[in-house]
Amino acid sequence: MHETVLEAEILTGDREVLVCSEKKNADLFFGLNSTTGGVGKVSGDLEME
């Protein structure tokens, strides 16, 4: 089974908590899903499909 992340809450290096998805903070959302990563730490709930 393959699950898809729809939304994530991350903690940035500046200690700011951001919600990111395809529509909210999309650059961070796609960065979390990239092979390079390193944009923040997932700190809360993930919304998955």
N, C-alpha and C. Protein backbone atom coordinates (compact mmCIF):
# COMPACT_ATOMS: atom_id res chain seq x y z
N MET A 1 0.84 -1.17 0.00
CA MET A 1 0.00 0.00 0.00
C MET A 1 0.89 1.24 0.00
N HIS A 2 0.55 2.20 -0.83
CA HIS A 2 1.30 3.45 -0.93
C HIS A 2 0.46 4.58 -0.34
N GLU A 3 1.02 5.28 0.65
CA GLU A 3 0.30 6.40 1.25
C GLU A 3 0.88 7.71 0.74
N THR A 4 0.03 8.71 0.62
CA THR A 4 0.43 10.01 0.11
C THR A 4 0.23 11.05 1.20
N VAL A 5 1.26 11.85 1.46
CA VAL A 5 1.14 12.94 2.42
C VAL A 5 0.40 14.09 1.75
N LEU A 6 -0.68 14.56 2.38
CA LEU A 6 -1.47 15.66 1.86
C LEU A 6 -1.11 16.97 2.54
N GLU A 7 -0.71 16.90 3.82
CA GLU A 7 -0.41 18.10 4.59
C GLU A 7 0.51 17.72 5.74
N ALA A 8 1.40 18.63 6.10
CA ALA A 8 2.31 18.38 7.21
C ALA A 8 2.49 19.66 8.01
N GLU A 9 2.72 19.50 9.29
CA GLU A 9 3.08 20.61 10.17
C GLU A 9 4.56 20.47 10.43
N ILE A 10 5.34 21.51 10.13
CA ILE A 10 6.79 21.41 10.30
C ILE A 10 7.31 22.50 11.22
N LEU A 11 8.45 22.24 11.81
CA LEU A 11 9.17 23.20 12.62
C LEU A 11 10.40 23.61 11.81
N THR A 12 10.48 24.89 11.46
CA THR A 12 11.60 25.36 10.65
C THR A 12 12.82 25.61 11.53
N GLY A 13 13.93 25.90 10.88
CA GLY A 13 15.15 26.23 11.61
C GLY A 13 15.02 27.49 12.44
N ASP A 14 14.08 28.34 12.08
CA ASP A 14 13.80 29.58 12.83
C ASP A 14 12.82 29.35 13.97
N ARG A 15 12.49 28.10 14.24
CA ARG A 15 11.55 27.70 15.29
C ARG A 15 10.13 28.20 15.03
N GLU A 16 9.80 28.31 13.77
CA GLU A 16 8.45 28.70 13.37
C GLU A 16 7.71 27.44 12.94
N VAL A 17 6.49 27.26 13.42
CA VAL A 17 5.68 26.12 13.04
C VAL A 17 4.82 26.53 11.85
N LEU A 18 4.94 25.77 10.77
CA LEU A 18 4.19 26.06 9.55
C LEU A 18 3.41 24.83 9.11
N VAL A 19 2.22 25.06 8.60
CA VAL A 19 1.45 24.01 7.95
C VAL A 19 1.77 24.11 6.47
N CYS A 20 2.09 22.98 5.86
CA CYS A 20 2.40 23.02 4.44
C CYS A 20 1.64 21.91 3.70
N SER A 21 1.23 22.25 2.50
CA SER A 21 0.51 21.34 1.61
C SER A 21 0.74 21.83 0.19
N GLU A 22 0.04 21.26 -0.77
CA GLU A 22 0.18 21.73 -2.14
C GLU A 22 -0.28 23.18 -2.28
N LYS A 23 -1.17 23.63 -1.38
CA LYS A 23 -1.73 24.98 -1.47
C LYS A 23 -1.17 25.94 -0.42
N LYS A 24 -0.67 25.43 0.70
CA LYS A 24 -0.12 26.26 1.77
C LYS A 24 1.37 25.98 1.90
N ASN A 25 2.19 27.00 1.75
CA ASN A 25 3.65 26.85 1.84
C ASN A 25 4.12 25.71 0.93
N ALA A 26 3.68 25.77 -0.31
CA ALA A 26 3.94 24.69 -1.28
C ALA A 26 5.42 24.42 -1.47
N ASP A 27 6.26 25.45 -1.41
CA ASP A 27 7.70 25.24 -1.60
C ASP A 27 8.26 24.33 -0.51
N LEU A 28 7.82 24.51 0.73
CA LEU A 28 8.27 23.64 1.81
C LEU A 28 7.69 22.24 1.67
N PHE A 29 6.43 22.16 1.27
CA PHE A 29 5.79 20.86 1.09
C PHE A 29 6.54 20.02 0.07
N PHE A 30 6.86 20.62 -1.07
CA PHE A 30 7.57 19.87 -2.11
C PHE A 30 9.02 19.61 -1.70
N GLY A 31 9.59 20.51 -0.89
CA GLY A 31 10.94 20.27 -0.38
C GLY A 31 11.00 19.08 0.55
N LEU A 32 9.96 18.90 1.37
CA LEU A 32 9.90 17.74 2.26
C LEU A 32 9.81 16.44 1.47
N ASN A 33 9.21 16.51 0.30
CA ASN A 33 9.02 15.32 -0.52
C ASN A 33 10.14 15.10 -1.52
N SER A 34 11.12 16.02 -1.55
CA SER A 34 12.21 15.89 -2.51
C SER A 34 13.28 14.95 -1.97
N THR A 35 14.24 14.63 -2.81
CA THR A 35 15.33 13.75 -2.39
C THR A 35 16.36 14.50 -1.57
N THR A 36 16.39 15.84 -1.68
CA THR A 36 17.38 16.61 -0.93
C THR A 36 16.92 16.90 0.49
N GLY A 37 15.65 17.22 0.68
CA GLY A 37 15.10 17.45 2.02
C GLY A 37 15.81 18.57 2.75
N GLY A 38 15.84 18.48 4.07
CA GLY A 38 16.56 19.43 4.89
C GLY A 38 15.88 20.77 5.08
N VAL A 39 14.57 20.88 4.87
CA VAL A 39 13.91 22.15 5.02
C VAL A 39 13.27 22.33 6.39
N GLY A 40 13.14 21.30 7.16
CA GLY A 40 12.55 21.41 8.48
C GLY A 40 12.29 20.04 9.07
N LYS A 41 11.72 20.05 10.25
CA LYS A 41 11.40 18.80 10.94
C LYS A 41 9.88 18.70 11.09
N VAL A 42 9.33 17.56 10.75
CA VAL A 42 7.90 17.36 10.94
C VAL A 42 7.65 17.25 12.43
N SER A 43 6.79 18.15 12.95
CA SER A 43 6.62 18.24 14.39
C SER A 43 5.23 17.87 14.88
N GLY A 44 4.31 17.66 13.98
CA GLY A 44 2.95 17.41 14.41
C GLY A 44 2.29 16.34 13.56
N ASP A 45 1.02 16.52 13.36
CA ASP A 45 0.24 15.54 12.61
C ASP A 45 0.49 15.61 11.12
N LEU A 46 0.46 14.46 10.49
CA LEU A 46 0.48 14.37 9.05
C LEU A 46 -0.91 14.00 8.58
N GLU A 47 -1.40 14.67 7.57
CA GLU A 47 -2.65 14.27 6.96
C GLU A 47 -2.30 13.43 5.74
N MET A 48 -2.75 12.18 5.76
CA MET A 48 -2.37 11.26 4.70
C MET A 48 -3.60 10.69 4.02
N GLU A 49 -3.37 10.29 2.79
CA GLU A 49 -4.45 9.67 2.00
C GLU A 49 -4.08 8.23 1.75
